[in-house]
Each structure stands twice: as C-alpha cells, then as structure tokens.
Amino acid sequence: MWPLYDKRGLPWPLFDKQGRPRTWVVIPLFVFMTAAYILVAIAVTLYFGLAYAEIYWILSGFFLFLLAAGLFAFIMKRRQEAKTR
C-alpha cells in the first residue's frame, strides 16, 4: 500500500518529484469526469424530457466548469508549494 502523501506533503499519484502534475493521472480524470457528465445528461434527457434536460445541461455544465477550475487551482497551488520547499 502506497502512502497518501510523500515527504513533501504532496499527494503521490498527482505529482512527480519536481512537483509537476502527472499527465497520466490528470488527463484521464478529466476524461472520466466528462464521460460521467455526458452519461447522466443523456439519462436525464431521456427520462425527464427536454424541459428538465435544458435546466440540467445548463446547471451541470456550470458546476462541471467550477469543478474543473477548482481542480486546476488545486494542482497549480500544490505545484507552487512544491517549488518553494
């Protein structure tokens, strides 16, 4: 079992030893988040019809954007912390 954090306090799967985000973790994360979003959106569209689906697409797209922006900010903040250590 791998430790959750390395000696510098960085979560080990997200960053390499130089503090750079690992693309093999970050890119699939965005791909799976987007795929889950699309699958749920299709299910909502088919189940509720277009009236609810329009609201869902707008709101969930906005929250997906906030989630992606938050993940990006977290990664950049941790990368900056790794550079200062």
PDB file of N, CA and C in Angstrom:
ATOM      1  N   MET A   1       0.850  -1.188   0.000  1.00  0.00           N
ATOM      2  CA  MET A   1       0.000   0.000   0.000  1.00  0.00           C
ATOM      3  C   MET A   1       0.888   1.241   0.000  1.00  0.00           C
ATOM      4  N   TRP A   2       0.644   2.131  -0.948  1.00  0.00           N
ATOM      5  CA  TRP A   2       1.429   3.359  -1.041  1.00  0.00           C
ATOM      6  C   TRP A   2       0.937   4.382  -0.026  1.00  0.00           C
ATOM      7  N   PRO A   3       1.828   5.195   0.517  1.00  0.00           N
ATOM      8  CA  PRO A   3       1.369   6.271   1.406  1.00  0.00           C
ATOM      9  C   PRO A   3       0.599   7.319   0.599  1.00  0.00           C
ATOM     10  N   LEU A   4      -0.318   8.003   1.269  1.00  0.00           N
ATOM     11  CA  LEU A   4      -1.130   9.000   0.575  1.00  0.00           C
ATOM     12  C   LEU A   4      -0.307  10.225   0.192  1.00  0.00           C
ATOM     13  N   TYR A   5       0.665  10.602   1.027  1.00  0.00           N
ATOM     14  CA  TYR A   5       1.491  11.778   0.760  1.00  0.00           C
ATOM     15  C   TYR A   5       2.964  11.393   0.803  1.00  0.00           C
ATOM     16  N   ASP A   6       3.773  12.109   0.049  1.00  0.00           N
ATOM     17  CA  ASP A   6       5.209  11.873   0.118  1.00  0.00           C
ATOM     18  C   ASP A   6       5.820  12.746   1.220  1.00  0.00           C
ATOM     19  N   LYS A   7       7.149  12.806   1.299  1.00  0.00           N
ATOM     20  CA  LYS A   7       7.820  13.538   2.380  1.00  0.00           C
ATOM     21  C   LYS A   7       7.573  15.037   2.323  1.00  0.00           C
ATOM     22  N   ARG A   8       7.258  15.561   1.121  1.00  0.00           N
ATOM     23  CA  ARG A   8       6.997  16.997   0.976  1.00  0.00           C
ATOM     24  C   ARG A   8       5.539  17.351   1.218  1.00  0.00           C
ATOM     25  N   GLY A   9       4.694  16.364   1.465  1.00  0.00           N
ATOM     26  CA  GLY A   9       3.285  16.623   1.697  1.00  0.00           C
ATOM     27  C   GLY A   9       2.451  16.630   0.432  1.00  0.00           C
ATOM     28  N   LEU A  10       3.034  16.216  -0.700  1.00  0.00           N
ATOM     29  CA  LEU A  10       2.289  16.180  -1.954  1.00  0.00           C
ATOM     30  C   LEU A  10       1.594  14.829  -2.107  1.00  0.00           C
ATOM     31  N   PRO A  11       0.356  14.823  -2.610  1.00  0.00           N
ATOM     32  CA  PRO A  11      -0.273  13.529  -2.867  1.00  0.00           C
ATOM     33  C   PRO A  11       0.478  12.805  -3.965  1.00  0.00           C
ATOM     34  N   TRP A  12       0.964  11.599  -3.697  1.00  0.00           N
ATOM     35  CA  TRP A  12       1.922  10.941  -4.587  1.00  0.00           C
ATOM     36  C   TRP A  12       1.416  10.662  -5.983  1.00  0.00           C
ATOM     37  N   PRO A  13       0.149  10.319  -6.217  1.00  0.00           N
ATOM     38  CA  PRO A  13      -0.173   9.983  -7.613  1.00  0.00           C
ATOM     39  C   PRO A  13      -0.325  11.196  -8.522  1.00  0.00           C
ATOM     40  N   LEU A  14      -0.549  12.373  -7.970  1.00  0.00           N
ATOM     41  CA  LEU A  14      -0.817  13.540  -8.814  1.00  0.00           C
ATOM     42  C   LEU A  14       0.444  14.248  -9.290  1.00  0.00           C
ATOM     43  N   PHE A  15       1.553  14.111  -8.576  1.00  0.00           N
ATOM     44  CA  PHE A  15       2.735  14.904  -8.873  1.00  0.00           C
ATOM     45  C   PHE A  15       3.983  14.035  -8.964  1.00  0.00           C
ATOM     46  N   ASP A  16       4.940  14.489  -9.763  1.00  0.00           N
ATOM     47  CA  ASP A  16       6.227  13.812  -9.795  1.00  0.00           C
ATOM     48  C   ASP A  16       7.157  14.465  -8.771  1.00  0.00           C
ATOM     49  N   LYS A  17       8.424  14.083  -8.758  1.00  0.00           N
ATOM     50  CA  LYS A  17       9.349  14.588  -7.741  1.00  0.00           C
ATOM     51  C   LYS A  17       9.677  16.063  -7.904  1.00  0.00           C
ATOM     52  N   GLN A  18       9.475  16.614  -9.100  1.00  0.00           N
ATOM     53  CA  GLN A  18       9.708  18.038  -9.321  1.00  0.00           C
ATOM     54  C   GLN A  18       8.469  18.877  -9.014  1.00  0.00           C
ATOM     55  N   GLY A  19       7.372  18.251  -8.624  1.00  0.00           N
ATOM     56  CA  GLY A  19       6.154  18.988  -8.309  1.00  0.00           C
ATOM     57  C   GLY A  19       5.252  19.221  -9.502  1.00  0.00           C
ATOM     58  N   ARG A  20       5.586  18.645 -10.663  1.00  0.00           N
ATOM     59  CA  ARG A  20       4.751  18.812 -11.858  1.00  0.00           C
ATOM     60  C   ARG A  20       3.584  17.837 -11.808  1.00  0.00           C
ATOM     61  N   PRO A  21       2.398  18.258 -12.258  1.00  0.00           N
ATOM     62  CA  PRO A  21       1.273  17.316 -12.305  1.00  0.00           C
ATOM     63  C   PRO A  21       1.564  16.189 -13.288  1.00  0.00           C
ATOM     64  N   ARG A  22       1.212  14.982 -12.923  1.00  0.00           N
ATOM     65  CA  ARG A  22       1.400  13.837 -13.823  1.00  0.00           C
ATOM     66  C   ARG A  22       0.240  13.799 -14.811  1.00  0.00           C
ATOM     67  N   THR A  23       0.568  13.877 -16.096  1.00  0.00           N
ATOM     68  CA  THR A  23      -0.487  13.930 -17.108  1.00  0.00           C
ATOM     69  C   THR A  23      -1.258  12.623 -17.189  1.00  0.00           C
ATOM     70  N   TRP A  24      -0.638  11.499 -16.861  1.00  0.00           N
ATOM     71  CA  TRP A  24      -1.336  10.219 -16.946  1.00  0.00           C
ATOM     72  C   TRP A  24      -2.385  10.078 -15.859  1.00  0.00           C
ATOM     73  N   VAL A  25      -2.387  10.976 -14.884  1.00  0.00           N
ATOM     74  CA  VAL A  25      -3.437  10.985 -13.868  1.00  0.00           C
ATOM     75  C   VAL A  25      -4.461  12.075 -14.165  1.00  0.00           C
ATOM     76  N   VAL A  26      -3.994  13.261 -14.527  1.00  0.00           N
ATOM     77  CA  VAL A  26      -4.879  14.414 -14.686  1.00  0.00           C
ATOM     78  C   VAL A  26      -5.771  14.271 -15.916  1.00  0.00           C
ATOM     79  N   ILE A  27      -5.210  13.863 -17.048  1.00  0.00           N
ATOM     80  CA  ILE A  27      -5.998  13.769 -18.282  1.00  0.00           C
ATOM     81  C   ILE A  27      -7.104  12.719 -18.166  1.00  0.00           C
ATOM     82  N   PRO A  28      -6.829  11.486 -17.712  1.00  0.00           N
ATOM     83  CA  PRO A  28      -7.945  10.538 -17.545  1.00  0.00           C
ATOM     84  C   PRO A  28      -8.993  11.012 -16.543  1.00  0.00           C
ATOM     85  N   LEU A  29      -8.567  11.760 -15.522  1.00  0.00           N
ATOM     86  CA  LEU A  29      -9.522  12.292 -14.558  1.00  0.00           C
ATOM     87  C   LEU A  29     -10.531  13.200 -15.252  1.00  0.00           C
ATOM     88  N   PHE A  30     -10.052  14.104 -16.107  1.00  0.00           N
ATOM     89  CA  PHE A  30     -10.958  14.974 -16.854  1.00  0.00           C
ATOM     90  C   PHE A  30     -11.808  14.173 -17.833  1.00  0.00           C
ATOM     91  N   VAL A  31     -11.225  13.164 -18.467  1.00  0.00           N
ATOM     92  CA  VAL A  31     -11.981  12.347 -19.427  1.00  0.00           C
ATOM     93  C   VAL A  31     -13.115  11.611 -18.718  1.00  0.00           C
ATOM     94  N   PHE A  32     -12.834  10.992 -17.578  1.00  0.00           N
ATOM     95  CA  PHE A  32     -13.869  10.257 -16.858  1.00  0.00           C
ATOM     96  C   PHE A  32     -14.927  11.189 -16.271  1.00  0.00           C
ATOM     97  N   MET A  33     -14.513  12.369 -15.794  1.00  0.00           N
ATOM     98  CA  MET A  33     -15.492  13.337 -15.304  1.00  0.00           C
ATOM     99  C   MET A  33     -16.433  13.756 -16.424  1.00  0.00           C
ATOM    100  N   THR A  34     -15.884  14.019 -17.601  1.00  0.00           N
ATOM    101  CA  THR A  34     -16.701  14.434 -18.737  1.00  0.00           C
ATOM    102  C   THR A  34     -17.612  13.300 -19.195  1.00  0.00           C
ATOM    103  N   ALA A  35     -17.097  12.083 -19.231  1.00  0.00           N
ATOM    104  CA  ALA A  35     -17.909  10.938 -19.648  1.00  0.00           C
ATOM    105  C   ALA A  35     -19.070  10.717 -18.683  1.00  0.00           C
ATOM    106  N   ALA A  36     -18.812  10.813 -17.395  1.00  0.00           N
ATOM    107  CA  ALA A  36     -19.882  10.652 -16.409  1.00  0.00           C
ATOM    108  C   ALA A  36     -20.923  11.750 -16.569  1.00  0.00           C
ATOM    109  N   TYR A  37     -20.482  12.969 -16.807  1.00  0.00           N
ATOM    110  CA  TYR A  37     -21.389  14.096 -17.017  1.00  0.00           C
ATOM    111  C   TYR A  37     -22.287  13.846 -18.222  1.00  0.00           C
ATOM    112  N   ILE A  38     -21.722  13.371 -19.317  1.00  0.00           N
ATOM    113  CA  ILE A  38     -22.498  13.135 -20.538  1.00  0.00           C
ATOM    114  C   ILE A  38     -23.491  11.990 -20.337  1.00  0.00           C
ATOM    115  N   LEU A  39     -23.060  10.910 -19.675  1.00  0.00           N
ATOM    116  CA  LEU A  39     -23.972   9.787 -19.436  1.00  0.00           C
ATOM    117  C   LEU A  39     -25.159  10.188 -18.565  1.00  0.00           C
ATOM    118  N   VAL A  40     -24.901  10.946 -17.521  1.00  0.00           N
ATOM    119  CA  VAL A  40     -26.002  11.404 -16.664  1.00  0.00           C
ATOM    120  C   VAL A  40     -26.900  12.370 -17.428  1.00  0.00           C
ATOM    121  N   ALA A  41     -26.309  13.234 -18.244  1.00  0.00           N
ATOM    122  CA  ALA A  41     -27.107  14.179 -19.024  1.00  0.00           C
ATOM    123  C   ALA A  41     -28.015  13.452 -20.013  1.00  0.00           C
ATOM    124  N   ILE A  42     -27.508  12.410 -20.641  1.00  0.00           N
ATOM    125  CA  ILE A  42     -28.337  11.626 -21.568  1.00  0.00           C
ATOM    126  C   ILE A  42     -29.469  10.935 -20.812  1.00  0.00           C
ATOM    127  N   ALA A  43     -29.164  10.372 -19.651  1.00  0.00           N
ATOM    128  CA  ALA A  43     -30.199   9.704 -18.854  1.00  0.00           C
ATOM    129  C   ALA A  43     -31.277  10.690 -18.421  1.00  0.00           C
ATOM    130  N   VAL A  44     -30.881  11.875 -17.977  1.00  0.00           N
ATOM    131  CA  VAL A  44     -31.856  12.892 -17.562  1.00  0.00           C
ATOM    132  C   VAL A  44     -32.696  13.335 -18.746  1.00  0.00           C
ATOM    133  N   THR A  45     -32.060  13.509 -19.898  1.00  0.00           N
ATOM    134  CA  THR A  45     -32.787  13.917 -21.101  1.00  0.00           C
ATOM    135  C   THR A  45     -33.831  12.872 -21.486  1.00  0.00           C
ATOM    136  N   LEU A  46     -33.458  11.601 -21.450  1.00  0.00           N
ATOM    137  CA  LEU A  46     -34.389  10.547 -21.838  1.00  0.00           C
ATOM    138  C   LEU A  46     -35.504  10.350 -20.812  1.00  0.00           C
ATOM    139  N   TYR A  47     -35.186  10.513 -19.547  1.00  0.00           N
ATOM    140  CA  TYR A  47     -36.172  10.236 -18.505  1.00  0.00           C
ATOM    141  C   TYR A  47     -37.158  11.392 -18.303  1.00  0.00           C
ATOM    142  N   PHE A  48     -36.643  12.609 -18.201  1.00  0.00           N
ATOM    143  CA  PHE A  48     -37.491  13.752 -17.867  1.00  0.00           C
ATOM    144  C   PHE A  48     -38.010  14.509 -19.083  1.00  0.00           C
ATOM    145  N   GLY A  49     -37.388  14.348 -20.214  1.00  0.00           N
ATOM    146  CA  GLY A  49     -37.792  15.131 -21.375  1.00  0.00           C
ATOM    147  C   GLY A  49     -36.978  16.408 -21.468  1.00  0.00           C
ATOM    148  N   LEU A  50     -37.244  17.174 -22.479  1.00  0.00           N
ATOM    149  CA  LEU A  50     -36.386  18.314 -22.790  1.00  0.00           C
ATOM    150  C   LEU A  50     -36.515  19.475 -21.810  1.00  0.00           C
ATOM    151  N   ALA A  51     -37.669  19.641 -21.151  1.00  0.00           N
ATOM    152  CA  ALA A  51     -37.848  20.787 -20.258  1.00  0.00           C
ATOM    153  C   ALA A  51     -36.863  20.727 -19.087  1.00  0.00           C
ATOM    154  N   TYR A  52     -36.777  19.566 -18.441  1.00  0.00           N
ATOM    155  CA  TYR A  52     -35.839  19.432 -17.326  1.00  0.00           C
ATOM    156  C   TYR A  52     -34.404  19.289 -17.823  1.00  0.00           C
ATOM    157  N   ALA A  53     -34.254  18.699 -18.985  1.00  0.00           N
ATOM    158  CA  ALA A  53     -32.906  18.470 -19.503  1.00  0.00           C
ATOM    159  C   ALA A  53     -32.188  19.781 -19.788  1.00  0.00           C
ATOM    160  N   GLU A  54     -32.916  20.775 -20.285  1.00  0.00           N
ATOM    161  CA  GLU A  54     -32.275  22.063 -20.575  1.00  0.00           C
ATOM    162  C   GLU A  54     -31.718  22.688 -19.299  1.00  0.00           C
ATOM    163  N   ILE A  55     -32.509  22.660 -18.231  1.00  0.00           N
ATOM    164  CA  ILE A  55     -32.036  23.187 -16.947  1.00  0.00           C
ATOM    165  C   ILE A  55     -30.841  22.371 -16.462  1.00  0.00           C
ATOM    166  N   TYR A  56     -30.925  21.046 -16.601  1.00  0.00           N
ATOM    167  CA  TYR A  56     -29.832  20.185 -16.145  1.00  0.00           C
ATOM    168  C   TYR A  56     -28.548  20.472 -16.911  1.00  0.00           C
ATOM    169  N   TRP A  57     -28.634  20.584 -18.225  1.00  0.00           N
ATOM    170  CA  TRP A  57     -27.440  20.825 -19.037  1.00  0.00           C
ATOM    171  C   TRP A  57     -26.778  22.141 -18.649  1.00  0.00           C
ATOM    172  N   ILE A  58     -27.583  23.175 -18.430  1.00  0.00           N
ATOM    173  CA  ILE A  58     -27.019  24.484 -18.082  1.00  0.00           C
ATOM    174  C   ILE A  58     -26.368  24.432 -16.703  1.00  0.00           C
ATOM    175  N   LEU A  59     -27.105  23.943 -15.697  1.00  0.00           N
ATOM    176  CA  LEU A  59     -26.574  23.929 -14.331  1.00  0.00           C
ATOM    177  C   LEU A  59     -25.403  22.968 -14.172  1.00  0.00           C
ATOM    178  N   SER A  60     -25.534  21.767 -14.705  1.00  0.00           N
ATOM    179  CA  SER A  60     -24.453  20.802 -14.521  1.00  0.00           C
ATOM    180  C   SER A  60     -23.217  21.203 -15.318  1.00  0.00           C
ATOM    181  N   GLY A  61     -23.404  21.830 -16.469  1.00  0.00           N
ATOM    182  CA  GLY A  61     -22.252  22.340 -17.215  1.00  0.00           C
ATOM    183  C   GLY A  61     -21.514  23.402 -16.422  1.00  0.00           C
ATOM    184  N   PHE A  62     -22.270  24.273 -15.758  1.00  0.00           N
ATOM    185  CA  PHE A  62     -21.665  25.311 -14.927  1.00  0.00           C
ATOM    186  C   PHE A  62     -20.906  24.694 -13.758  1.00  0.00           C
ATOM    187  N   PHE A  63     -21.518  23.704 -13.092  1.00  0.00           N
ATOM    188  CA  PHE A  63     -20.843  23.068 -11.958  1.00  0.00           C
ATOM    189  C   PHE A  63     -19.654  22.216 -12.404  1.00  0.00           C
ATOM    190  N   LEU A  64     -19.735  21.619 -13.580  1.00  0.00           N
ATOM    191  CA  LEU A  64     -18.586  20.893 -14.120  1.00  0.00           C
ATOM    192  C   LEU A  64     -17.432  21.850 -14.393  1.00  0.00           C
ATOM    193  N   PHE A  65     -17.757  23.039 -14.899  1.00  0.00           N
ATOM    194  CA  PHE A  65     -16.731  24.061 -15.111  1.00  0.00           C
ATOM    195  C   PHE A  65     -16.104  24.462 -13.777  1.00  0.00           C
ATOM    196  N   LEU A  66     -16.926  24.666 -12.745  1.00  0.00           N
ATOM    197  CA  LEU A  66     -16.381  25.021 -11.430  1.00  0.00           C
ATOM    198  C   LEU A  66     -15.502  23.903 -10.873  1.00  0.00           C
ATOM    199  N   LEU A  67     -15.917  22.649 -11.063  1.00  0.00           N
ATOM    200  CA  LEU A  67     -15.118  21.515 -10.602  1.00  0.00           C
ATOM    201  C   LEU A  67     -13.771  21.463 -11.313  1.00  0.00           C
ATOM    202  N   ALA A  68     -13.785  21.663 -12.628  1.00  0.00           N
ATOM    203  CA  ALA A  68     -12.532  21.656 -13.389  1.00  0.00           C
ATOM    204  C   ALA A  68     -11.645  22.825 -12.974  1.00  0.00           C
ATOM    205  N   ALA A  69     -12.235  24.000 -12.772  1.00  0.00           N
ATOM    206  CA  ALA A  69     -11.455  25.165 -12.342  1.00  0.00           C
ATOM    207  C   ALA A  69     -10.869  24.935 -10.950  1.00  0.00           C
ATOM    208  N   GLY A  70     -11.650  24.321 -10.062  1.00  0.00           N
ATOM    209  CA  GLY A  70     -11.148  24.022  -8.722  1.00  0.00           C
ATOM    210  C   GLY A  70     -10.011  23.018  -8.739  1.00  0.00           C
ATOM    211  N   LEU A  71     -10.138  21.983  -9.574  1.00  0.00           N
ATOM    212  CA  LEU A  71      -9.063  21.001  -9.702  1.00  0.00           C
ATOM    213  C   LEU A  71      -7.802  21.649 -10.260  1.00  0.00           C
ATOM    214  N   PHE A  72      -7.964  22.510 -11.261  1.00  0.00           N
ATOM    215  CA  PHE A  72      -6.819  23.210 -11.836  1.00  0.00           C
ATOM    216  C   PHE A  72      -6.152  24.101 -10.784  1.00  0.00           C
ATOM    217  N   ALA A  73      -6.958  24.843 -10.014  1.00  0.00           N
ATOM    218  CA  ALA A  73      -6.401  25.722  -8.983  1.00  0.00           C
ATOM    219  C   ALA A  73      -5.677  24.911  -7.913  1.00  0.00           C
ATOM    220  N   PHE A  74      -6.252  23.764  -7.514  1.00  0.00           N
ATOM    221  CA  PHE A  74      -5.611  22.908  -6.518  1.00  0.00           C
ATOM    222  C   PHE A  74      -4.259  22.409  -7.013  1.00  0.00           C
ATOM    223  N   ILE A  75      -4.215  21.946  -8.261  1.00  0.00           N
ATOM    224  CA  ILE A  75      -2.967  21.421  -8.816  1.00  0.00           C
ATOM    225  C   ILE A  75      -1.918  22.518  -8.913  1.00  0.00           C
ATOM    226  N   MET A  76      -2.307  23.698  -9.372  1.00  0.00           N
ATOM    227  CA  MET A  76      -1.337  24.785  -9.510  1.00  0.00           C
ATOM    228  C   MET A  76      -0.848  25.266  -8.144  1.00  0.00           C
ATOM    229  N   LYS A  77      -1.733  25.289  -7.142  1.00  0.00           N
ATOM    230  CA  LYS A  77      -1.326  25.706  -5.802  1.00  0.00           C
ATOM    231  C   LYS A  77      -0.332  24.713  -5.218  1.00  0.00           C
ATOM    232  N   ARG A  78      -0.623  23.422  -5.351  1.00  0.00           N
ATOM    233  CA  ARG A  78       0.290  22.414  -4.819  1.00  0.00           C
ATOM    234  C   ARG A  78       1.620  22.427  -5.559  1.00  0.00           C
ATOM    235  N   ARG A  79       1.572  22.713  -6.853  1.00  0.00           N
ATOM    236  CA  ARG A  79       2.816  22.788  -7.623  1.00  0.00           C
ATOM    237  C   ARG A  79       3.661  23.961  -7.132  1.00  0.00           C
ATOM    238  N   GLN A  80       3.011  25.090  -6.851  1.00  0.00           N
ATOM    239  CA  GLN A  80       3.737  26.258  -6.351  1.00  0.00           C
ATOM    240  C   GLN A  80       4.334  25.958  -4.979  1.00  0.00           C
ATOM    241  N   GLU A  81       3.582  25.256  -4.128  1.00  0.00           N
ATOM    242  CA  GLU A  81       4.101  24.890  -2.811  1.00  0.00           C
ATOM    243  C   GLU A  81       5.306  23.968  -2.941  1.00  0.00           C
ATOM    244  N   ALA A  82       5.283  23.081  -3.910  1.00  0.00           N
ATOM    245  CA  ALA A  82       6.396  22.151  -4.101  1.00  0.00           C
ATOM    246  C   ALA A  82       7.646  22.894  -4.552  1.00  0.00           C
ATOM    247  N   LYS A  83       7.475  23.952  -5.331  1.00  0.00           N
ATOM    248  CA  LYS A  83       8.636  24.713  -5.800  1.00  0.00           C
ATOM    249  C   LYS A  83       9.294  25.491  -4.672  1.00  0.00           C
ATOM    250  N   THR A  84       8.503  25.945  -3.688  1.00  0.00           N
ATOM    251  CA  THR A  84       9.063  26.750  -2.609  1.00  0.00           C
ATOM    252  C   THR A  84       9.733  25.907  -1.537  1.00  0.00           C
ATOM    253  N   ARG A  85       9.495  24.602  -1.512  1.00  0.00           N
ATOM    254  CA  ARG A  85      10.086  23.744  -0.473  1.00  0.00           C
ATOM    255  C   ARG A  85      11.500  23.372  -0.802  1.00  0.00           C
TER     256      ARG A  85
END
